[in-house]
Amino acid sequence: MSSLRMLRVSALPGLKELPVSIGKLGQLEFLDISLCEGLEKLPDEIGELKKLKEFDMRECYHLRELPDSVCGLSSLKHVICNENIGVKWLRAKASYIPDLRVEIVEPKFIFLTLTF
C-alpha cells in the first residue's frame, strides 16, 4: 500500500478519525474523505503525505481544526472543504503553502437524525 496514489474513504459517517498509519502512504497524491461527517480530527501524521496534491474534505462537519503538520504539505495544490475548515486552510496558504487553491463549497446534503 505504500505505493498507493489515490485513496477514497468518502461517505463513512461513523468514521471518527483517520488511522495514524495514513502517514506511511508516502506516494499518496489524492485523498478523499468527503461526507465523513463524524470525522472529528486529522492525525498529525497527515503532514507526512509530502506528495499529496489534492484533498477533498467537503461535508466533514465535525472537523474544526487542522494539525500543525499540514503546513508541511508543500505539494498540496487543491483543497475542497466547507467554510468552517476553509478558514484554517486559508491561514496555512497565507503562511506556508502559497500555491494552494482553497475551494470552499456549500453543503449538498443535509443529514437529519430522527428520534422517536
PDB file of N, CA and C in Angstrom:
ATOM      1  N   MET A   1       0.807  -1.198   0.000  1.00  0.00           N
ATOM      2  CA  MET A   1       0.000   0.000   0.000  1.00  0.00           C
ATOM      3  C   MET A   1       0.850   1.263   0.000  1.00  0.00           C
ATOM      4  N   SER A   2       2.129   1.145   0.239  1.00  0.00           N
ATOM      5  CA  SER A   2       2.972   2.336   0.294  1.00  0.00           C
ATOM      6  C   SER A   2       3.076   3.033  -1.063  1.00  0.00           C
ATOM      7  N   SER A   3       2.713   2.359  -2.152  1.00  0.00           N
ATOM      8  CA  SER A   3       2.763   2.986  -3.471  1.00  0.00           C
ATOM      9  C   SER A   3       1.397   3.517  -3.918  1.00  0.00           C
ATOM     10  N   LEU A   4       0.405   3.485  -3.041  1.00  0.00           N
ATOM     11  CA  LEU A   4      -0.938   3.970  -3.332  1.00  0.00           C
ATOM     12  C   LEU A   4      -0.901   5.454  -3.654  1.00  0.00           C
ATOM     13  N   ARG A   5      -1.547   5.842  -4.757  1.00  0.00           N
ATOM     14  CA  ARG A   5      -1.543   7.243  -5.168  1.00  0.00           C
ATOM     15  C   ARG A   5      -2.886   7.932  -4.936  1.00  0.00           C
ATOM     16  N   MET A   6      -3.972   7.156  -4.832  1.00  0.00           N
ATOM     17  CA  MET A   6      -5.297   7.721  -4.629  1.00  0.00           C
ATOM     18  C   MET A   6      -6.028   6.913  -3.563  1.00  0.00           C
ATOM     19  N   LEU A   7      -6.651   7.624  -2.617  1.00  0.00           N
ATOM     20  CA  LEU A   7      -7.404   6.958  -1.561  1.00  0.00           C
ATOM     21  C   LEU A   7      -8.718   7.685  -1.360  1.00  0.00           C
ATOM     22  N   ARG A   8      -9.812   6.935  -1.492  1.00  0.00           N
ATOM     23  CA  ARG A   8     -11.155   7.473  -1.252  1.00  0.00           C
ATOM     24  C   ARG A   8     -11.776   6.722  -0.086  1.00  0.00           C
ATOM     25  N   VAL A   9     -12.035   7.434   0.973  1.00  0.00           N
ATOM     26  CA  VAL A   9     -12.741   6.869   2.118  1.00  0.00           C
ATOM     27  C   VAL A   9     -13.972   7.734   2.397  1.00  0.00           C
ATOM     28  N   SER A  10     -14.649   8.132   1.346  1.00  0.00           N
ATOM     29  CA  SER A  10     -15.766   9.063   1.471  1.00  0.00           C
ATOM     30  C   SER A  10     -17.044   8.350   1.905  1.00  0.00           C
ATOM     31  N   ALA A  11     -17.955   9.150   2.429  1.00  0.00           N
ATOM     32  CA  ALA A  11     -19.300   8.714   2.820  1.00  0.00           C
ATOM     33  C   ALA A  11     -19.279   7.629   3.892  1.00  0.00           C
ATOM     34  N   LEU A  12     -18.423   7.814   4.894  1.00  0.00           N
ATOM     35  CA  LEU A  12     -18.370   6.916   6.049  1.00  0.00           C
ATOM     36  C   LEU A  12     -18.768   7.726   7.279  1.00  0.00           C
ATOM     37  N   PRO A  13     -20.061   7.873   7.542  1.00  0.00           N
ATOM     38  CA  PRO A  13     -20.496   8.755   8.631  1.00  0.00           C
ATOM     39  C   PRO A  13     -20.030   8.320  10.017  1.00  0.00           C
ATOM     40  N   GLY A  14     -19.704   7.063  10.212  1.00  0.00           N
ATOM     41  CA  GLY A  14     -19.253   6.585  11.513  1.00  0.00           C
ATOM     42  C   GLY A  14     -17.768   6.743  11.759  1.00  0.00           C
ATOM     43  N   LEU A  15     -17.026   7.178  10.752  1.00  0.00           N
ATOM     44  CA  LEU A  15     -15.577   7.339  10.893  1.00  0.00           C
ATOM     45  C   LEU A  15     -15.279   8.545  11.779  1.00  0.00           C
ATOM     46  N   LYS A  16     -14.619   8.313  12.909  1.00  0.00           N
ATOM     47  CA  LYS A  16     -14.309   9.387  13.855  1.00  0.00           C
ATOM     48  C   LYS A  16     -12.920   9.971  13.641  1.00  0.00           C
ATOM     49  N   GLU A  17     -11.979   9.140  13.176  1.00  0.00           N
ATOM     50  CA  GLU A  17     -10.628   9.635  12.919  1.00  0.00           C
ATOM     51  C   GLU A  17      -9.928   8.719  11.918  1.00  0.00           C
ATOM     52  N   LEU A  18      -8.971   9.278  11.237  1.00  0.00           N
ATOM     53  CA  LEU A  18      -8.145   8.504  10.312  1.00  0.00           C
ATOM     54  C   LEU A  18      -7.038   7.827  11.110  1.00  0.00           C
ATOM     55  N   PRO A  19      -6.604   6.658  10.687  1.00  0.00           N
ATOM     56  CA  PRO A  19      -5.515   5.999  11.420  1.00  0.00           C
ATOM     57  C   PRO A  19      -4.204   6.765  11.245  1.00  0.00           C
ATOM     58  N   VAL A  20      -3.359   6.718  12.255  1.00  0.00           N
ATOM     59  CA  VAL A  20      -2.064   7.396  12.171  1.00  0.00           C
ATOM     60  C   VAL A  20      -1.198   6.782  11.070  1.00  0.00           C
ATOM     61  N   SER A  21      -1.492   5.553  10.712  1.00  0.00           N
ATOM     62  CA  SER A  21      -0.715   4.884   9.658  1.00  0.00           C
ATOM     63  C   SER A  21      -0.906   5.537   8.290  1.00  0.00           C
ATOM     64  N   ILE A  22      -1.834   6.483   8.171  1.00  0.00           N
ATOM     65  CA  ILE A  22      -2.007   7.173   6.890  1.00  0.00           C
ATOM     66  C   ILE A  22      -0.715   7.876   6.478  1.00  0.00           C
ATOM     67  N   GLY A  23       0.086   8.251   7.446  1.00  0.00           N
ATOM     68  CA  GLY A  23       1.355   8.908   7.156  1.00  0.00           C
ATOM     69  C   GLY A  23       2.344   8.032   6.414  1.00  0.00           C
ATOM     70  N   LYS A  24       2.114   6.723   6.406  1.00  0.00           N
ATOM     71  CA  LYS A  24       3.002   5.797   5.699  1.00  0.00           C
ATOM     72  C   LYS A  24       2.707   5.721   4.204  1.00  0.00           C
ATOM     73  N   LEU A  25       1.648   6.383   3.765  1.00  0.00           N
ATOM     74  CA  LEU A  25       1.284   6.372   2.344  1.00  0.00           C
ATOM     75  C   LEU A  25       2.037   7.488   1.621  1.00  0.00           C
ATOM     76  N   GLY A  26       3.330   7.344   1.556  1.00  0.00           N
ATOM     77  CA  GLY A  26       4.219   8.385   1.052  1.00  0.00           C
ATOM     78  C   GLY A  26       4.029   8.782  -0.398  1.00  0.00           C
ATOM     79  N   GLN A  27       3.384   7.945  -1.201  1.00  0.00           N
ATOM     80  CA  GLN A  27       3.164   8.262  -2.616  1.00  0.00           C
ATOM     81  C   GLN A  27       1.775   8.848  -2.877  1.00  0.00           C
ATOM     82  N   LEU A  28       0.972   8.993  -1.834  1.00  0.00           N
ATOM     83  CA  LEU A  28      -0.416   9.438  -1.987  1.00  0.00           C
ATOM     84  C   LEU A  28      -0.473  10.847  -2.571  1.00  0.00           C
ATOM     85  N   GLU A  29      -1.252  11.004  -3.636  1.00  0.00           N
ATOM     86  CA  GLU A  29      -1.417  12.292  -4.297  1.00  0.00           C
ATOM     87  C   GLU A  29      -2.832  12.846  -4.145  1.00  0.00           C
ATOM     88  N   PHE A  30      -3.807  11.965  -3.944  1.00  0.00           N
ATOM     89  CA  PHE A  30      -5.207  12.390  -3.845  1.00  0.00           C
ATOM     90  C   PHE A  30      -5.855  11.683  -2.661  1.00  0.00           C
ATOM     91  N   LEU A  31      -6.475  12.457  -1.785  1.00  0.00           N
ATOM     92  CA  LEU A  31      -7.160  11.911  -0.618  1.00  0.00           C
ATOM     93  C   LEU A  31      -8.566  12.483  -0.567  1.00  0.00           C
ATOM     94  N   ASP A  32      -9.557  11.585  -0.522  1.00  0.00           N
ATOM     95  CA  ASP A  32     -10.960  11.981  -0.464  1.00  0.00           C
ATOM     96  C   ASP A  32     -11.581  11.445   0.824  1.00  0.00           C
ATOM     97  N   ILE A  33     -11.912  12.362   1.730  1.00  0.00           N
ATOM     98  CA  ILE A  33     -12.608  11.989   2.961  1.00  0.00           C
ATOM     99  C   ILE A  33     -13.967  12.694   3.012  1.00  0.00           C
ATOM    100  N   SER A  34     -14.471  13.104   1.862  1.00  0.00           N
ATOM    101  CA  SER A  34     -15.731  13.836   1.814  1.00  0.00           C
ATOM    102  C   SER A  34     -16.877  13.005   2.386  1.00  0.00           C
ATOM    103  N   LEU A  35     -17.842  13.704   2.942  1.00  0.00           N
ATOM    104  CA  LEU A  35     -19.052  13.102   3.515  1.00  0.00           C
ATOM    105  C   LEU A  35     -18.772  12.194   4.710  1.00  0.00           C
ATOM    106  N   CYS A  36     -17.648  12.384   5.351  1.00  0.00           N
ATOM    107  CA  CYS A  36     -17.351  11.671   6.604  1.00  0.00           C
ATOM    108  C   CYS A  36     -17.701  12.629   7.734  1.00  0.00           C
ATOM    109  N   GLU A  37     -19.004  12.871   7.910  1.00  0.00           N
ATOM    110  CA  GLU A  37     -19.418  13.916   8.831  1.00  0.00           C
ATOM    111  C   GLU A  37     -19.118  13.615  10.288  1.00  0.00           C
ATOM    112  N   GLY A  38     -18.783  12.390  10.627  1.00  0.00           N
ATOM    113  CA  GLY A  38     -18.411  12.060  12.003  1.00  0.00           C
ATOM    114  C   GLY A  38     -16.936  12.280  12.310  1.00  0.00           C
ATOM    115  N   LEU A  39     -16.144  12.569  11.278  1.00  0.00           N
ATOM    116  CA  LEU A  39     -14.704  12.747  11.456  1.00  0.00           C
ATOM    117  C   LEU A  39     -14.435  13.981  12.320  1.00  0.00           C
ATOM    118  N   GLU A  40     -13.750  13.772  13.433  1.00  0.00           N
ATOM    119  CA  GLU A  40     -13.540  14.850  14.392  1.00  0.00           C
ATOM    120  C   GLU A  40     -12.144  15.464  14.345  1.00  0.00           C
ATOM    121  N   LYS A  41     -11.167  14.698  13.855  1.00  0.00           N
ATOM    122  CA  LYS A  41      -9.814  15.258  13.786  1.00  0.00           C
ATOM    123  C   LYS A  41      -8.988  14.499  12.755  1.00  0.00           C
ATOM    124  N   LEU A  42      -7.930  15.161  12.332  1.00  0.00           N
ATOM    125  CA  LEU A  42      -6.949  14.547  11.446  1.00  0.00           C
ATOM    126  C   LEU A  42      -5.712  14.237  12.271  1.00  0.00           C
ATOM    127  N   PRO A  43      -5.075  13.104  12.008  1.00  0.00           N
ATOM    128  CA  PRO A  43      -3.863  12.791  12.768  1.00  0.00           C
ATOM    129  C   PRO A  43      -2.702  13.699  12.345  1.00  0.00           C
ATOM    130  N   ASP A  44      -1.782  13.930  13.252  1.00  0.00           N
ATOM    131  CA  ASP A  44      -0.594  14.724  12.926  1.00  0.00           C
ATOM    132  C   ASP A  44       0.164  14.123  11.748  1.00  0.00           C
ATOM    133  N   GLU A  45       0.076  12.826  11.596  1.00  0.00           N
ATOM    134  CA  GLU A  45       0.800  12.120  10.529  1.00  0.00           C
ATOM    135  C   GLU A  45       0.323  12.508   9.133  1.00  0.00           C
ATOM    136  N   ILE A  46      -0.780  13.232   9.033  1.00  0.00           N
ATOM    137  CA  ILE A  46      -1.253  13.696   7.730  1.00  0.00           C
ATOM    138  C   ILE A  46      -0.180  14.566   7.068  1.00  0.00           C
ATOM    139  N   GLY A  47       0.631  15.215   7.874  1.00  0.00           N
ATOM    140  CA  GLY A  47       1.702  16.062   7.357  1.00  0.00           C
ATOM    141  C   GLY A  47       2.842  15.299   6.705  1.00  0.00           C
ATOM    142  N   GLU A  48       2.852  13.986   6.843  1.00  0.00           N
ATOM    143  CA  GLU A  48       3.872  13.162   6.213  1.00  0.00           C
ATOM    144  C   GLU A  48       3.538  12.830   4.762  1.00  0.00           C
ATOM    145  N   LEU A  49       2.372  13.258   4.301  1.00  0.00           N
ATOM    146  CA  LEU A  49       1.961  12.987   2.914  1.00  0.00           C
ATOM    147  C   LEU A  49       2.547  14.048   1.987  1.00  0.00           C
ATOM    148  N   LYS A  50       3.837  14.023   1.839  1.00  0.00           N
ATOM    149  CA  LYS A  50       4.578  15.079   1.135  1.00  0.00           C
ATOM    150  C   LYS A  50       4.254  15.184  -0.350  1.00  0.00           C
ATOM    151  N   LYS A  51       3.650  14.139  -0.938  1.00  0.00           N
ATOM    152  CA  LYS A  51       3.306  14.193  -2.359  1.00  0.00           C
ATOM    153  C   LYS A  51       1.829  14.485  -2.595  1.00  0.00           C
ATOM    154  N   LEU A  52       1.088  14.722  -1.520  1.00  0.00           N
ATOM    155  CA  LEU A  52      -0.348  14.986  -1.635  1.00  0.00           C
ATOM    156  C   LEU A  52      -0.578  16.269  -2.425  1.00  0.00           C
ATOM    157  N   LYS A  53      -1.410  16.157  -3.471  1.00  0.00           N
ATOM    158  CA  LYS A  53      -1.704  17.300  -4.333  1.00  0.00           C
ATOM    159  C   LYS A  53      -3.133  17.796  -4.172  1.00  0.00           C
ATOM    160  N   GLU A  54      -4.058  16.864  -3.923  1.00  0.00           N
ATOM    161  CA  GLU A  54      -5.460  17.242  -3.806  1.00  0.00           C
ATOM    162  C   GLU A  54      -6.094  16.546  -2.617  1.00  0.00           C
ATOM    163  N   PHE A  55      -6.896  17.302  -1.866  1.00  0.00           N
ATOM    164  CA  PHE A  55      -7.514  16.821  -0.637  1.00  0.00           C
ATOM    165  C   PHE A  55      -8.974  17.258  -0.648  1.00  0.00           C
ATOM    166  N   ASP A  56      -9.875  16.296  -0.802  1.00  0.00           N
ATOM    167  CA  ASP A  56     -11.309  16.580  -0.811  1.00  0.00           C
ATOM    168  C   ASP A  56     -11.869  16.243   0.561  1.00  0.00           C
ATOM    169  N   MET A  57     -12.284  17.250   1.276  1.00  0.00           N
ATOM    170  CA  MET A  57     -12.792  17.046   2.630  1.00  0.00           C
ATOM    171  C   MET A  57     -14.109  17.786   2.845  1.00  0.00           C
ATOM    172  N   ARG A  58     -14.869  17.910   1.769  1.00  0.00           N
ATOM    173  CA  ARG A  58     -16.155  18.597   1.894  1.00  0.00           C
ATOM    174  C   ARG A  58     -17.118  17.789   2.773  1.00  0.00           C
ATOM    175  N   GLU A  59     -17.946  18.515   3.471  1.00  0.00           N
ATOM    176  CA  GLU A  59     -19.002  17.961   4.323  1.00  0.00           C
ATOM    177  C   GLU A  59     -18.481  17.071   5.447  1.00  0.00           C
ATOM    178  N   CYS A  60     -17.350  17.475   6.001  1.00  0.00           N
ATOM    179  CA  CYS A  60     -16.824  16.869   7.232  1.00  0.00           C
ATOM    180  C   CYS A  60     -17.129  17.873   8.352  1.00  0.00           C
ATOM    181  N   TYR A  61     -18.369  17.890   8.769  1.00  0.00           N
ATOM    182  CA  TYR A  61     -18.885  18.953   9.635  1.00  0.00           C
ATOM    183  C   TYR A  61     -18.267  19.017  11.025  1.00  0.00           C
ATOM    184  N   HIS A  62     -17.836  17.902  11.570  1.00  0.00           N
ATOM    185  CA  HIS A  62     -17.283  17.910  12.920  1.00  0.00           C
ATOM    186  C   HIS A  62     -15.789  18.209  12.949  1.00  0.00           C
ATOM    187  N   LEU A  63     -15.196  18.310  11.795  1.00  0.00           N
ATOM    188  CA  LEU A  63     -13.780  18.625  11.707  1.00  0.00           C
ATOM    189  C   LEU A  63     -13.616  20.137  11.799  1.00  0.00           C
ATOM    190  N   ARG A  64     -13.017  20.596  12.891  1.00  0.00           N
ATOM    191  CA  ARG A  64     -12.921  22.028  13.153  1.00  0.00           C
ATOM    192  C   ARG A  64     -11.492  22.553  13.177  1.00  0.00           C
ATOM    193  N   GLU A  65     -10.523  21.668  13.319  1.00  0.00           N
ATOM    194  CA  GLU A  65      -9.128  22.077  13.428  1.00  0.00           C
ATOM    195  C   GLU A  65      -8.263  21.281  12.458  1.00  0.00           C
ATOM    196  N   LEU A  66      -7.139  21.857  12.108  1.00  0.00           N
ATOM    197  CA  LEU A  66      -6.125  21.173  11.316  1.00  0.00           C
ATOM    198  C   LEU A  66      -4.892  20.997  12.182  1.00  0.00           C
ATOM    199  N   PRO A  67      -4.235  19.851  12.082  1.00  0.00           N
ATOM    200  CA  PRO A  67      -2.979  19.716  12.824  1.00  0.00           C
ATOM    201  C   PRO A  67      -1.922  20.643  12.224  1.00  0.00           C
ATOM    202  N   ASP A  68      -1.003  21.094  13.044  1.00  0.00           N
ATOM    203  CA  ASP A  68       0.064  21.981  12.565  1.00  0.00           C
ATOM    204  C   ASP A  68       0.866  21.355  11.434  1.00  0.00           C
ATOM    205  N   SER A  69       0.888  20.036  11.386  1.00  0.00           N
ATOM    206  CA  SER A  69       1.693  19.335  10.381  1.00  0.00           C
ATOM    207  C   SER A  69       1.238  19.598   8.950  1.00  0.00           C
ATOM    208  N   VAL A  70       0.010  20.096   8.739  1.00  0.00           N
ATOM    209  CA  VAL A  70      -0.437  20.360   7.364  1.00  0.00           C
ATOM    210  C   VAL A  70       0.387  21.465   6.720  1.00  0.00           C
ATOM    211  N   CYS A  71       1.043  22.269   7.523  1.00  0.00           N
ATOM    212  CA  CYS A  71       1.861  23.357   6.980  1.00  0.00           C
ATOM    213  C   CYS A  71       3.052  22.842   6.182  1.00  0.00           C
ATOM    214  N   GLY A  72       3.396  21.579   6.356  1.00  0.00           N
ATOM    215  CA  GLY A  72       4.491  20.979   5.607  1.00  0.00           C
ATOM    216  C   GLY A  72       4.068  20.318   4.303  1.00  0.00           C
ATOM    217  N   LEU A  73       2.793  20.435   3.946  1.00  0.00           N
ATOM    218  CA  LEU A  73       2.296  19.798   2.716  1.00  0.00           C
ATOM    219  C   LEU A  73       2.552  20.706   1.519  1.00  0.00           C
ATOM    220  N   SER A  74       3.800  20.886   1.174  1.00  0.00           N
ATOM    221  CA  SER A  74       4.190  21.844   0.138  1.00  0.00           C
ATOM    222  C   SER A  74       3.748  21.441  -1.272  1.00  0.00           C
ATOM    223  N   SER A  75       3.438  20.174  -1.516  1.00  0.00           N
ATOM    224  CA  SER A  75       2.961  19.733  -2.831  1.00  0.00           C
ATOM    225  C   SER A  75       1.465  19.923  -2.997  1.00  0.00           C
ATOM    226  N   LEU A  76       0.776  20.232  -1.907  1.00  0.00           N
ATOM    227  CA  LEU A  76      -0.685  20.356  -1.944  1.00  0.00           C
ATOM    228  C   LEU A  76      -1.088  21.555  -2.796  1.00  0.00           C
ATOM    229  N   LYS A  77      -1.933  21.301  -3.787  1.00  0.00           N
ATOM    230  CA  LYS A  77      -2.351  22.341  -4.726  1.00  0.00           C
ATOM    231  C   LYS A  77      -3.822  22.704  -4.612  1.00  0.00           C
ATOM    232  N   HIS A  78      -4.662  21.759  -4.123  1.00  0.00           N
ATOM    233  CA  HIS A  78      -6.106  21.999  -4.141  1.00  0.00           C
ATOM    234  C   HIS A  78      -6.768  21.306  -2.959  1.00  0.00           C
ATOM    235  N   VAL A  79      -7.509  22.077  -2.186  1.00  0.00           N
ATOM    236  CA  VAL A  79      -8.311  21.551  -1.079  1.00  0.00           C
ATOM    237  C   VAL A  79      -9.751  21.951  -1.331  1.00  0.00           C
ATOM    238  N   ILE A  80     -10.654  20.984  -1.210  1.00  0.00           N
ATOM    239  CA  ILE A  80     -12.084  21.240  -1.315  1.00  0.00           C
ATOM    240  C   ILE A  80     -12.657  21.006   0.076  1.00  0.00           C
ATOM    241  N   CYS A  81     -13.324  22.018   0.628  1.00  0.00           N
ATOM    242  CA  CYS A  81     -13.785  21.902   2.011  1.00  0.00           C
ATOM    243  C   CYS A  81     -14.969  22.823   2.276  1.00  0.00           C
ATOM    244  N   ASN A  82     -15.478  22.713   3.489  1.00  0.00           N
ATOM    245  CA  ASN A  82     -16.540  23.593   3.962  1.00  0.00           C
ATOM    246  C   ASN A  82     -15.928  24.870   4.515  1.00  0.00           C
ATOM    247  N   GLU A  83     -16.782  25.826   4.749  1.00  0.00           N
ATOM    248  CA  GLU A  83     -16.320  27.123   5.241  1.00  0.00           C
ATOM    249  C   GLU A  83     -15.645  27.025   6.606  1.00  0.00           C
ATOM    250  N   ASN A  84     -16.176  26.182   7.493  1.00  0.00           N
ATOM    251  CA  ASN A  84     -15.625  26.126   8.856  1.00  0.00           C
ATOM    252  C   ASN A  84     -14.151  25.731   8.883  1.00  0.00           C
ATOM    253  N   ILE A  85     -13.727  24.830   8.020  1.00  0.00           N
ATOM    254  CA  ILE A  85     -12.315  24.419   7.989  1.00  0.00           C
ATOM    255  C   ILE A  85     -11.553  25.196   6.904  1.00  0.00           C
ATOM    256  N   GLY A  86     -12.288  25.778   5.959  1.00  0.00           N
ATOM    257  CA  GLY A  86     -11.664  26.557   4.891  1.00  0.00           C
ATOM    258  C   GLY A  86     -10.864  27.734   5.422  1.00  0.00           C
ATOM    259  N   VAL A  87     -11.349  28.356   6.484  1.00  0.00           N
ATOM    260  CA  VAL A  87     -10.638  29.478   7.109  1.00  0.00           C
ATOM    261  C   VAL A  87      -9.266  29.017   7.586  1.00  0.00           C
ATOM    262  N   LYS A  88      -9.194  27.811   8.130  1.00  0.00           N
ATOM    263  CA  LYS A  88      -7.913  27.266   8.617  1.00  0.00           C
ATOM    264  C   LYS A  88      -6.963  27.010   7.446  1.00  0.00           C
ATOM    265  N   TRP A  89      -7.496  26.490   6.350  1.00  0.00           N
ATOM    266  CA  TRP A  89      -6.656  26.248   5.172  1.00  0.00           C
ATOM    267  C   TRP A  89      -6.154  27.561   4.583  1.00  0.00           C
ATOM    268  N   LEU A  90      -6.982  28.590   4.600  1.00  0.00           N
ATOM    269  CA  LEU A  90      -6.549  29.887   4.073  1.00  0.00           C
ATOM    270  C   LEU A  90      -5.403  30.458   4.901  1.00  0.00           C
ATOM    271  N   ARG A  91      -5.410  30.206   6.192  1.00  0.00           N
ATOM    272  CA  ARG A  91      -4.287  30.634   7.038  1.00  0.00           C
ATOM    273  C   ARG A  91      -3.019  29.871   6.678  1.00  0.00           C
ATOM    274  N   ALA A  92      -3.161  28.561   6.474  1.00  0.00           N
ATOM    275  CA  ALA A  92      -1.999  27.747   6.086  1.00  0.00           C
ATOM    276  C   ALA A  92      -1.460  28.202   4.732  1.00  0.00           C
ATOM    277  N   LYS A  93      -2.364  28.529   3.813  1.00  0.00           N
ATOM    278  CA  LYS A  93      -1.965  29.016   2.490  1.00  0.00           C
ATOM    279  C   LYS A  93      -1.164  30.308   2.622  1.00  0.00           C
ATOM    280  N   ALA A  94      -1.672  31.234   3.415  1.00  0.00           N
ATOM    281  CA  ALA A  94      -1.026  32.538   3.559  1.00  0.00           C
ATOM    282  C   ALA A  94       0.376  32.422   4.135  1.00  0.00           C
ATOM    283  N   SER A  95       0.579  31.492   5.037  1.00  0.00           N
ATOM    284  CA  SER A  95       1.859  31.410   5.735  1.00  0.00           C
ATOM    285  C   SER A  95       2.822  30.359   5.191  1.00  0.00           C
ATOM    286  N   TYR A  96       2.285  29.237   4.695  1.00  0.00           N
ATOM    287  CA  TYR A  96       3.169  28.100   4.391  1.00  0.00           C
ATOM    288  C   TYR A  96       2.988  27.462   3.021  1.00  0.00           C
ATOM    289  N   ILE A  97       1.784  27.545   2.438  1.00  0.00           N
ATOM    290  CA  ILE A  97       1.516  26.830   1.176  1.00  0.00           C
ATOM    291  C   ILE A  97       0.956  27.834   0.162  1.00  0.00           C
ATOM    292  N   PRO A  98       1.777  28.729  -0.367  1.00  0.00           N
ATOM    293  CA  PRO A  98       1.274  29.825  -1.203  1.00  0.00           C
ATOM    294  C   PRO A  98       0.582  29.388  -2.492  1.00  0.00           C
ATOM    295  N   ASP A  99       0.923  28.226  -3.028  1.00  0.00           N
ATOM    296  CA  ASP A  99       0.315  27.776  -4.282  1.00  0.00           C
ATOM    297  C   ASP A  99      -0.997  27.027  -4.091  1.00  0.00           C
ATOM    298  N   LEU A 100      -1.462  26.931  -2.866  1.00  0.00           N
ATOM    299  CA  LEU A 100      -2.673  26.177  -2.557  1.00  0.00           C
ATOM    300  C   LEU A 100      -3.923  26.931  -3.007  1.00  0.00           C
ATOM    301  N   ARG A 101      -4.805  26.198  -3.663  1.00  0.00           N
ATOM    302  CA  ARG A 101      -6.130  26.741  -4.009  1.00  0.00           C
ATOM    303  C   ARG A 101      -7.131  26.120  -3.047  1.00  0.00           C
ATOM    304  N   VAL A 102      -7.797  26.959  -2.276  1.00  0.00           N
ATOM    305  CA  VAL A 102      -8.792  26.509  -1.304  1.00  0.00           C
ATOM    306  C   VAL A 102     -10.167  26.759  -1.909  1.00  0.00           C
ATOM    307  N   GLU A 103     -10.885  25.683  -2.181  1.00  0.00           N
ATOM    308  CA  GLU A 103     -12.227  25.770  -2.757  1.00  0.00           C
ATOM    309  C   GLU A 103     -13.238  25.487  -1.650  1.00  0.00           C
ATOM    310  N   ILE A 104     -13.944  26.518  -1.257  1.00  0.00           N
ATOM    311  CA  ILE A 104     -14.952  26.382  -0.208  1.00  0.00           C
ATOM    312  C   ILE A 104     -16.299  26.152  -0.881  1.00  0.00           C
ATOM    313  N   VAL A 105     -16.929  25.025  -0.546  1.00  0.00           N
ATOM    314  CA  VAL A 105     -18.178  24.637  -1.203  1.00  0.00           C
ATOM    315  C   VAL A 105     -19.336  24.639  -0.216  1.00  0.00           C
ATOM    316  N   GLU A 106     -20.502  24.868  -0.743  1.00  0.00           N
ATOM    317  CA  GLU A 106     -21.730  24.818   0.046  1.00  0.00           C
ATOM    318  C   GLU A 106     -22.146  23.357   0.242  1.00  0.00           C
ATOM    319  N   PRO A 107     -22.788  23.058   1.347  1.00  0.00           N
ATOM    320  CA  PRO A 107     -23.265  21.683   1.569  1.00  0.00           C
ATOM    321  C   PRO A 107     -24.271  21.263   0.511  1.00  0.00           C
ATOM    322  N   LYS A 108     -24.166  20.028   0.059  1.00  0.00           N
ATOM    323  CA  LYS A 108     -25.110  19.485  -0.913  1.00  0.00           C
ATOM    324  C   LYS A 108     -26.102  18.541  -0.257  1.00  0.00           C
ATOM    325  N   PHE A 109     -25.700  17.971   0.868  1.00  0.00           N
ATOM    326  CA  PHE A 109     -26.541  17.011   1.556  1.00  0.00           C
ATOM    327  C   PHE A 109     -26.856  17.530   2.947  1.00  0.00           C
ATOM    328  N   ILE A 110     -28.049  17.274   3.379  1.00  0.00           N
ATOM    329  CA  ILE A 110     -28.447  17.614   4.737  1.00  0.00           C
ATOM    330  C   ILE A 110     -28.741  16.315   5.461  1.00  0.00           C
ATOM    331  N   PHE A 111     -28.092  16.119   6.582  1.00  0.00           N
ATOM    332  CA  PHE A 111     -28.270  14.884   7.358  1.00  0.00           C
ATOM    333  C   PHE A 111     -29.176  15.190   8.536  1.00  0.00           C
ATOM    334  N   LEU A 112     -30.187  14.386   8.689  1.00  0.00           N
ATOM    335  CA  LEU A 112     -31.114  14.543   9.792  1.00  0.00           C
ATOM    336  C   LEU A 112     -31.054  13.319  10.680  1.00  0.00           C
ATOM    337  N   THR A 113     -31.145  13.544  11.937  1.00  0.00           N
ATOM    338  CA  THR A 113     -31.223  12.442  12.886  1.00  0.00           C
ATOM    339  C   THR A 113     -32.626  12.461  13.469  1.00  0.00           C
ATOM    340  N   LEU A 114     -33.352  11.404  13.272  1.00  0.00           N
ATOM    341  CA  LEU A 114     -34.711  11.324  13.774  1.00  0.00           C
ATOM    342  C   LEU A 114     -34.746  10.423  14.991  1.00  0.00           C
ATOM    343  N   THR A 115     -35.383  10.871  16.026  1.00  0.00           N
ATOM    344  CA  THR A 115     -35.577  10.036  17.203  1.00  0.00           C
ATOM    345  C   THR A 115     -37.066   9.943  17.484  1.00  0.00           C
ATOM    346  N   PHE A 116     -37.470   8.792  17.845  1.00  0.00           N
ATOM    347  CA  PHE A 116     -38.892   8.548  18.116  1.00  0.00           C
ATOM    348  C   PHE A 116     -39.097   8.212  19.563  1.00  0.00           C
TER     349      PHE A 116
END
